[in-house]
Amino acid sequence: MPHTPAPHILYGMAGSLYTAKVRSYLRKQRIAFEERVAGDPAFGQEMVPVVGRWIIPVVQTPDGRVLQDGAAIIDALEQEPQAGPRAAPPHPVLGVIAHILEMFGGEGMLRPAMHYRWNFDEANLAFLQQDFVSSLAPGKVGDEAAMVFAFASSRMRKATLSFGVTADTAALVEHSYTEFLALLEAHLAHMPYLLGDSPTYADYGLIGPMFGHLARDPHPAMLMKRLAPRVWRWVERMNSPDSDAGEYRGRSAGWIDPGQPNPTLDALLSYVAQDYLAEIGAHVTFANEWLAQRPDLPAGSNGMPRPSDRHIGTTRVAWRSATLQISVMPYRIFMLQRVQDAAAALGQADSDTLQALLQRTGLAPLLDMRCQRRVLRQNHLEVWGPTGQNIDMLSP
């Protein structure tokens, strides 16, 4: 009998935004994996002590390595032989764009993802209760199940507020999201994936919110099907191990040429500039002021009471016609560094091409938003790098 290699194990939740990112990648790469819910006893007993906090997704590889965080998991698996298309596009300028869209998907899309999940109880609540309990406490029923959901939903509703979703901003969030749906719908008229014929970091970043919340929860799922059927098909495509792009046969033009304006991609990137540039800038500004008040903060620390803390404070940011009060997370700076590192690695000709693209889409300031100290990930946690470390140095 031929030997069947042990599968990777993915710990997560069916409705988890960040689990959706990794699940899609594993499927597209045809990596054998077994998905286990976060309520599996092995997660709490074996994985949480290793990663230092309760957080998903976590992947355990067949050789026993434990990987945490969607970006880190994909980066690690990209180094191994795979059957599917690589997450990094073949053109280095497209690689920078892919990381911009990856960052925006995982961080900038949290407002609509959380709003459409937690502010439409009439349509969503019964589904969410079943979904959360089956992942967090499988087998619990009655009062026990209700307690599990009440605790989890309370935490998530508070998190929704921390991303700037309030009664005063809800209408703006909805307007922003439907605008994004229209732009993505138009872009997908020409190609099956964000940058061409294969999924990249851009697609994996966006599939998190677009599947985990916005295509599964009842209210936004119907909205997506009604307003953006091509986006709905892309969501299906991103959960299929093959290309699943028969409707594009003979029509797709391969990879986007970053040296030429692409109207629908440019429109998407201009939207990212409008919707997220000020927010990520506010994170960097707050972090620099926070670090300036802590000149003796040791490297390898997050500077907070607990090593597992993800927020360092709150700040205000102008967003569209509103002012948001948002939590500041060093992880977002870590994702920004991925964009800046990829840009810094370009040769001169590619750098000129990138600058032209960023200038015409309003994203040029993204490369200049620099934190005083790098955010590193050590032992599965976000920590600050050494004082005086060259902020342009590539991440290890």
Protein backbone atom coordinates (compact mmCIF):
# COMPACT_ATOMS: atom_id res chain seq x y z
CA MET A 1 0.00 0.00 0.00
CA PRO A 2 1.40 3.45 -0.84
CA HIS A 3 2.13 5.66 2.13
CA THR A 4 -0.36 8.50 2.58
CA PRO A 5 1.34 11.51 4.18
CA ALA A 6 -0.25 12.95 7.29
CA PRO A 7 -2.35 16.03 6.58
CA HIS A 8 -1.81 19.52 7.88
CA ILE A 9 -4.25 20.40 10.63
CA LEU A 10 -6.06 23.72 10.40
CA TYR A 11 -7.61 24.97 13.64
CA GLY A 12 -10.20 27.67 13.09
CA MET A 13 -13.87 28.45 12.68
CA ALA A 14 -16.20 28.14 9.71
CA GLY A 15 -17.17 31.81 10.03
CA SER A 16 -13.73 33.17 10.86
CA LEU A 17 -12.37 35.83 8.53
CA TYR A 18 -8.74 34.86 9.04
CA THR A 19 -9.44 31.13 8.86
CA ALA A 20 -11.07 31.70 5.46
CA LYS A 21 -7.81 33.15 4.14
CA VAL A 22 -5.76 30.10 5.08
CA ARG A 23 -8.43 27.57 4.12
CA SER A 24 -8.63 29.05 0.63
CA TYR A 25 -4.86 28.87 0.23
CA LEU A 26 -4.69 25.25 1.38
CA ARG A 27 -7.42 24.29 -1.07
CA LYS A 28 -5.88 26.15 -3.99
CA GLN A 29 -2.51 24.57 -3.29
CA ARG A 30 -4.14 21.15 -2.98
CA ILE A 31 -2.43 20.71 0.38
CA ALA A 32 -3.99 17.83 2.27
CA PHE A 33 -5.46 19.21 5.47
CA GLU A 34 -7.93 18.39 8.17
CA GLU A 35 -9.92 21.28 9.57
CA ARG A 36 -10.70 21.19 13.27
CA VAL A 37 -12.83 23.63 15.20
CA ALA A 38 -11.35 25.91 17.82
CA GLY A 39 -13.49 24.08 20.37
CA ASP A 40 -11.50 20.89 19.80
CA PRO A 41 -9.79 20.01 23.12
CA ALA A 42 -6.44 19.68 21.34
CA PHE A 43 -6.56 23.35 20.38
CA GLY A 44 -6.82 24.60 23.94
CA GLN A 45 -4.52 21.97 25.41
CA GLU A 46 -1.81 21.85 22.76
CA MET A 47 -1.98 24.88 20.47
CA VAL A 48 -2.84 27.79 22.77
CA PRO A 49 0.15 27.16 25.09
CA VAL A 50 2.46 27.16 22.06
CA VAL A 51 1.14 30.35 20.44
CA GLY A 52 0.69 32.17 23.75
CA ARG A 53 -2.92 33.26 23.31
CA TRP A 54 -6.30 32.10 22.05
CA ILE A 55 -6.18 33.13 18.41
CA ILE A 56 -7.05 31.56 15.08
CA PRO A 57 -6.10 30.28 12.62
CA VAL A 58 -3.36 27.90 13.67
CA VAL A 59 -1.83 25.28 11.39
CA GLN A 60 0.08 22.25 12.63
CA THR A 61 2.24 20.77 9.88
CA PRO A 62 2.83 17.04 9.45
CA ASP A 63 6.34 17.45 10.88
CA GLY A 64 4.96 19.07 14.04
CA ARG A 65 5.60 22.75 13.34
CA VAL A 66 2.98 25.16 14.64
CA LEU A 67 2.20 28.17 12.45
CA GLN A 68 -0.07 31.05 13.44
CA ASP A 69 -1.39 34.07 11.50
CA GLY A 70 -2.68 33.92 7.96
CA ALA A 71 0.21 35.86 6.42
CA ALA A 72 2.83 33.86 8.32
CA ILE A 73 1.16 30.55 7.46
CA ILE A 74 1.04 31.30 3.74
CA ASP A 75 4.61 32.66 3.75
CA ALA A 76 5.86 29.46 5.40
CA LEU A 77 3.96 27.15 3.07
CA GLU A 78 5.08 29.12 0.02
CA GLN A 79 8.60 27.83 0.74
CA GLU A 80 7.48 24.23 0.19
CA PRO A 81 6.76 22.39 -3.08
CA GLN A 82 3.11 22.91 -3.99
CA ALA A 83 0.70 21.67 -6.63
CA GLY A 84 -1.13 24.95 -7.11
CA PRO A 85 -0.19 28.47 -8.23
CA ARG A 86 2.04 30.48 -5.94
CA ALA A 87 0.58 33.33 -3.89
CA ALA A 88 3.28 35.67 -5.16
CA PRO A 89 2.53 36.90 -8.71
CA PRO A 90 5.32 36.59 -11.29
CA HIS A 91 5.91 40.35 -11.64
CA PRO A 92 7.50 42.02 -8.57
CA VAL A 93 5.43 45.20 -8.99
CA LEU A 94 2.29 43.10 -8.90
CA GLY A 95 3.75 41.55 -5.75
CA VAL A 96 3.61 44.93 -4.04
CA ILE A 97 0.04 45.47 -5.23
CA ALA A 98 -0.87 42.00 -3.98
CA HIS A 99 0.40 42.88 -0.50
CA ILE A 100 -1.51 46.18 -0.54
CA LEU A 101 -4.74 44.34 -1.28
CA GLU A 102 -3.85 41.62 1.22
CA MET A 103 -3.43 44.24 3.93
CA PHE A 104 -6.62 46.03 2.96
CA GLY A 105 -8.62 42.81 2.86
CA GLY A 106 -7.58 41.62 6.29
CA GLU A 107 -7.61 44.99 8.03
CA GLY A 108 -9.43 47.62 5.99
CA MET A 109 -12.47 45.44 5.35
CA LEU A 110 -13.12 44.79 9.04
CA ARG A 111 -15.70 47.58 9.27
CA PRO A 112 -18.17 46.14 6.76
CA ALA A 113 -17.41 42.58 7.83
CA MET A 114 -18.24 43.29 11.45
CA HIS A 115 -21.14 45.64 10.71
CA TYR A 116 -22.96 43.23 8.43
CA ARG A 117 -22.42 40.40 10.90
CA TRP A 118 -23.46 42.03 14.18
CA ASN A 119 -25.93 44.77 13.25
CA PHE A 120 -28.54 42.69 11.40
CA ASP A 121 -29.82 40.39 14.11
CA GLU A 122 -33.20 39.75 12.55
CA ALA A 123 -31.57 37.97 9.61
CA ASN A 124 -28.31 36.76 11.14
CA LEU A 125 -28.76 35.89 14.79
CA ALA A 126 -30.04 32.30 14.60
CA PHE A 127 -27.41 31.42 12.02
CA LEU A 128 -24.61 33.00 14.07
CA GLN A 129 -25.64 31.25 17.26
CA GLN A 130 -25.52 27.86 15.59
CA ASP A 131 -22.30 28.72 13.75
CA PHE A 132 -20.42 29.98 16.80
CA VAL A 133 -21.52 27.26 19.19
CA SER A 134 -20.70 24.48 16.73
CA SER A 135 -17.16 25.84 16.41
CA LEU A 136 -16.46 26.98 19.97
CA ALA A 137 -18.35 24.39 22.02
CA PRO A 138 -19.51 21.55 19.78
CA GLY A 139 -22.22 19.46 21.40
CA LYS A 140 -23.42 22.14 23.80
CA VAL A 141 -27.15 22.80 23.78
CA GLY A 142 -29.72 24.82 25.69
CA ASP A 143 -28.50 27.19 28.37
CA GLU A 144 -24.86 26.13 27.96
CA ALA A 145 -24.94 26.92 24.26
CA ALA A 146 -26.64 30.25 24.95
CA MET A 147 -23.94 31.20 27.44
CA VAL A 148 -21.15 30.35 25.00
CA PHE A 149 -22.72 32.49 22.29
CA ALA A 150 -23.56 35.34 24.64
CA PHE A 151 -19.93 35.57 25.77
CA ALA A 152 -18.49 35.35 22.24
CA SER A 153 -20.99 37.73 20.66
CA SER A 154 -20.50 40.29 23.43
CA ARG A 155 -16.77 40.37 22.74
CA MET A 156 -17.30 40.63 19.00
CA ARG A 157 -19.85 43.43 19.30
CA LYS A 158 -17.35 45.41 21.39
CA ALA A 159 -14.71 44.75 18.74
CA THR A 160 -17.11 46.08 16.10
CA LEU A 161 -17.24 49.38 17.96
CA SER A 162 -13.44 49.46 18.19
CA PHE A 163 -13.24 49.45 14.38
CA GLY A 164 -15.38 52.57 14.22
CA VAL A 165 -18.78 51.02 13.50
CA THR A 166 -21.45 52.90 15.44
CA ALA A 167 -25.05 53.95 14.87
CA ASP A 168 -23.69 57.23 13.53
CA THR A 169 -21.36 55.61 10.99
CA ALA A 170 -23.44 52.58 9.92
CA ALA A 171 -24.88 54.28 6.83
CA LEU A 172 -21.40 55.36 5.70
CA VAL A 173 -20.08 51.83 6.20
CA GLU A 174 -22.86 50.48 4.03
CA HIS A 175 -22.29 53.09 1.34
CA SER A 176 -18.57 52.35 1.35
CA TYR A 177 -19.11 48.59 1.08
CA THR A 178 -21.60 48.77 -1.78
CA GLU A 179 -19.19 51.05 -3.60
CA PHE A 180 -16.46 48.45 -3.13
CA LEU A 181 -18.75 45.67 -4.35
CA ALA A 182 -19.47 47.62 -7.55
CA LEU A 183 -15.77 48.21 -8.19
CA LEU A 184 -14.82 44.58 -7.58
CA GLU A 185 -17.76 43.42 -9.73
CA ALA A 186 -16.51 45.57 -12.62
CA HIS A 187 -12.94 44.33 -12.22
CA LEU A 188 -13.96 40.67 -12.22
CA ALA A 189 -15.72 41.15 -15.53
CA HIS A 190 -12.30 40.85 -17.17
CA MET A 191 -10.38 38.26 -15.13
CA PRO A 192 -11.13 35.45 -12.68
CA TYR A 193 -8.78 36.66 -9.94
CA LEU A 194 -7.63 40.05 -8.74
CA LEU A 195 -4.39 40.27 -10.71
CA GLY A 196 -4.87 37.69 -13.45
CA ASP A 197 -5.48 34.03 -14.07
CA SER A 198 -4.36 32.73 -10.66
CA PRO A 199 -5.01 33.74 -7.04
CA THR A 200 -2.34 35.74 -5.22
CA TYR A 201 -1.86 37.32 -1.81
CA ALA A 202 -4.41 39.90 -3.00
CA ASP A 203 -7.15 37.29 -3.40
CA TYR A 204 -6.26 35.50 -0.16
CA GLY A 205 -6.37 38.76 1.77
CA LEU A 206 -9.77 39.72 0.40
CA ILE A 207 -11.37 36.29 0.62
CA GLY A 208 -11.15 36.48 4.41
CA PRO A 209 -13.87 39.09 4.90
CA MET A 210 -15.64 38.41 1.63
CA PHE A 211 -16.24 34.75 2.47
CA GLY A 212 -15.88 34.44 6.23
CA HIS A 213 -18.47 37.14 6.97
CA LEU A 214 -19.95 38.73 3.88
CA ALA A 215 -20.79 35.64 1.82
CA ARG A 216 -21.81 33.31 4.67
CA ASP A 217 -23.88 35.42 7.05
CA PRO A 218 -27.47 35.57 5.76
CA HIS A 219 -28.00 39.31 5.31
CA PRO A 220 -24.75 40.23 3.51
CA ALA A 221 -24.81 36.98 1.51
CA MET A 222 -28.07 37.97 -0.11
CA LEU A 223 -26.78 41.49 -0.65
CA MET A 224 -23.70 40.18 -2.46
CA LYS A 225 -25.72 37.82 -4.66
CA ARG A 226 -28.11 40.61 -5.58
CA LEU A 227 -25.61 43.41 -6.19
CA ALA A 228 -22.46 41.60 -7.30
CA PRO A 229 -22.98 38.13 -8.82
CA ARG A 230 -19.44 38.04 -10.24
CA VAL A 231 -18.07 38.70 -6.76
CA TRP A 232 -20.19 35.84 -5.45
CA ARG A 233 -18.72 33.56 -8.14
CA TRP A 234 -15.21 34.69 -7.21
CA VAL A 235 -15.95 33.71 -3.62
CA GLU A 236 -17.01 30.25 -4.84
CA ARG A 237 -13.92 30.10 -7.07
CA MET A 238 -11.63 30.92 -4.15
CA ASN A 239 -12.98 27.92 -2.27
CA SER A 240 -12.46 25.50 -5.15
CA PRO A 241 -9.20 23.54 -5.53
CA ASP A 242 -9.18 24.06 -9.30
CA SER A 243 -9.34 27.29 -11.26
CA ASP A 244 -13.16 27.14 -11.55
CA ALA A 245 -13.06 29.85 -14.20
CA GLY A 246 -14.76 28.30 -17.21
CA GLU A 247 -16.71 31.46 -17.94
CA TYR A 248 -13.44 33.27 -18.68
CA ARG A 249 -12.16 30.75 -21.22
CA GLY A 250 -10.72 32.66 -24.18
CA ARG A 251 -11.36 36.03 -22.54
CA SER A 252 -8.80 36.45 -19.76
CA ALA A 253 -5.56 38.13 -20.79
CA GLY A 254 -3.21 36.48 -18.29
CA TRP A 255 -1.52 38.74 -15.77
CA ILE A 256 -2.14 42.47 -15.53
CA ASP A 257 0.67 44.59 -16.95
CA PRO A 258 1.61 46.95 -14.09
CA GLY A 259 3.31 49.28 -16.54
CA GLN A 260 0.02 50.13 -18.20
CA PRO A 261 -3.01 51.76 -16.58
CA ASN A 262 -5.72 49.22 -15.87
CA PRO A 263 -8.97 51.12 -15.32
CA THR A 264 -10.71 48.64 -13.05
CA LEU A 265 -7.63 47.80 -10.96
CA ASP A 266 -6.77 51.48 -10.69
CA ALA A 267 -10.32 52.15 -9.49
CA LEU A 268 -9.98 49.49 -6.79
CA LEU A 269 -6.65 50.88 -5.62
CA SER A 270 -8.03 54.42 -5.60
CA TYR A 271 -10.82 53.13 -3.40
CA VAL A 272 -8.23 51.64 -1.00
CA ALA A 273 -6.53 55.05 -0.86
CA GLN A 274 -9.80 56.78 -0.05
CA ASP A 275 -11.02 54.19 2.43
CA TYR A 276 -7.88 53.09 4.28
CA LEU A 277 -4.89 55.38 3.73
CA ALA A 278 -5.80 57.81 6.53
CA GLU A 279 -6.55 54.95 8.90
CA ILE A 280 -3.24 53.13 8.51
CA GLY A 281 -1.51 56.50 8.72
CA ALA A 282 -3.26 57.18 12.03
CA HIS A 283 -1.97 53.84 13.35
CA VAL A 284 1.61 54.75 12.43
CA THR A 285 1.34 58.27 13.90
CA PHE A 286 -0.11 56.98 17.17
CA ALA A 287 2.51 54.22 17.40
CA ASN A 288 5.37 56.69 16.88
CA GLU A 289 4.02 58.96 19.61
CA TRP A 290 3.48 55.95 21.88
CA LEU A 291 7.02 54.72 21.28
CA ALA A 292 8.49 58.19 21.85
CA GLN A 293 7.02 58.08 25.36
CA ARG A 294 8.73 54.72 25.97
CA PRO A 295 12.36 55.15 24.87
CA ASP A 296 13.51 52.31 27.11
CA LEU A 297 11.01 49.75 25.85
CA PRO A 298 13.04 46.56 25.43
CA ALA A 299 13.19 44.85 22.06
CA GLY A 300 11.06 41.74 21.91
CA SER A 301 8.32 43.28 24.06
CA ASN A 302 4.91 44.58 23.04
CA GLY A 303 5.08 47.17 25.83
CA MET A 304 1.72 46.11 27.25
CA PRO A 305 0.76 44.43 30.55
CA ARG A 306 0.30 41.07 28.81
CA PRO A 307 2.44 39.66 26.01
CA SER A 308 -0.75 38.58 24.23
CA ASP A 309 -2.28 42.09 24.07
CA ARG A 310 -2.92 43.25 20.51
CA HIS A 311 -4.02 46.88 21.08
CA ILE A 312 -1.80 49.69 22.37
CA GLY A 313 -4.46 52.41 22.60
CA THR A 314 -7.10 54.28 20.65
CA THR A 315 -6.95 57.19 18.25
CA ARG A 316 -9.27 59.27 16.10
CA VAL A 317 -9.22 59.36 12.32
CA ALA A 318 -11.22 61.25 9.72
CA TRP A 319 -12.98 58.75 7.47
CA ARG A 320 -15.22 59.91 4.67
CA SER A 321 -17.56 62.43 6.35
CA ALA A 322 -17.14 60.98 9.86
CA THR A 323 -14.55 60.87 12.61
CA LEU A 324 -13.87 57.37 13.92
CA GLN A 325 -12.52 56.28 17.27
CA ILE A 326 -10.43 53.19 16.51
CA SER A 327 -8.15 50.80 18.35
CA VAL A 328 -4.48 50.86 17.32
CA MET A 329 -2.94 47.47 16.56
CA PRO A 330 0.77 47.00 15.81
CA TYR A 331 -0.22 44.05 13.63
CA ARG A 332 -1.47 46.51 11.04
CA ILE A 333 1.97 48.10 10.96
CA PHE A 334 3.42 44.63 10.46
CA MET A 335 1.20 44.19 7.40
CA LEU A 336 2.19 47.64 6.13
CA GLN A 337 5.85 46.65 6.44
CA ARG A 338 5.21 43.74 4.07
CA VAL A 339 4.13 46.26 1.43
CA GLN A 340 7.10 48.52 2.09
CA ASP A 341 9.60 45.64 2.17
CA ALA A 342 8.35 44.36 -1.18
CA ALA A 343 8.63 47.87 -2.64
CA ALA A 344 12.13 48.34 -1.23
CA ALA A 345 13.30 45.14 -2.93
CA LEU A 346 12.44 46.41 -6.43
CA GLY A 347 15.03 47.40 -8.97
CA GLN A 348 15.00 50.94 -10.32
CA ALA A 349 12.86 50.28 -13.39
CA ASP A 350 10.26 48.37 -11.40
CA SER A 351 10.35 51.01 -8.68
CA ASP A 352 9.57 53.69 -11.27
CA THR A 353 6.67 51.59 -12.55
CA LEU A 354 5.33 51.16 -9.04
CA GLN A 355 5.64 54.87 -8.25
CA ALA A 356 3.66 55.76 -11.37
CA LEU A 357 0.91 53.32 -10.41
CA LEU A 358 0.76 54.53 -6.80
CA GLN A 359 0.78 58.18 -7.85
CA ARG A 360 -2.17 57.83 -10.19
CA THR A 361 -4.20 55.87 -7.61
CA GLY A 362 -3.41 58.09 -4.61
CA LEU A 363 -1.48 55.41 -2.73
CA ALA A 364 2.02 56.90 -2.96
CA PRO A 365 2.03 58.04 0.72
CA LEU A 366 1.75 54.39 1.76
CA LEU A 367 5.48 53.86 1.22
CA ASP A 368 6.43 56.83 3.41
CA MET A 369 4.41 55.91 6.52
CA ARG A 370 7.28 54.67 8.66
CA CYS A 371 7.23 53.57 12.26
CA GLN A 372 10.19 54.40 14.51
CA ARG A 373 10.65 50.71 15.27
CA ARG A 374 9.73 47.65 13.27
CA VAL A 375 6.98 45.33 14.38
CA LEU A 376 8.31 41.78 14.46
CA ARG A 377 6.55 38.49 15.02
CA GLN A 378 8.41 36.36 17.54
CA ASN A 379 7.01 33.24 19.13
CA HIS A 380 3.68 33.93 17.39
CA LEU A 381 3.32 37.38 19.02
CA GLU A 382 3.73 40.93 17.70
CA VAL A 383 6.65 42.68 19.40
CA TRP A 384 8.78 45.77 18.82
CA GLY A 385 12.18 45.46 17.21
CA PRO A 386 15.38 47.05 18.53
CA THR A 387 15.68 50.81 18.94
CA GLY A 388 17.57 52.29 16.03
CA GLN A 389 16.96 49.30 13.80
CA ASN A 390 16.95 50.42 10.18
CA ILE A 391 13.26 50.72 9.41
CA ASP A 392 14.01 50.04 5.73
CA MET A 393 15.65 46.70 6.53
CA LEU A 394 13.78 43.78 5.08
CA SER A 395 11.91 41.55 7.50
CA PRO A 396 13.74 38.33 8.31
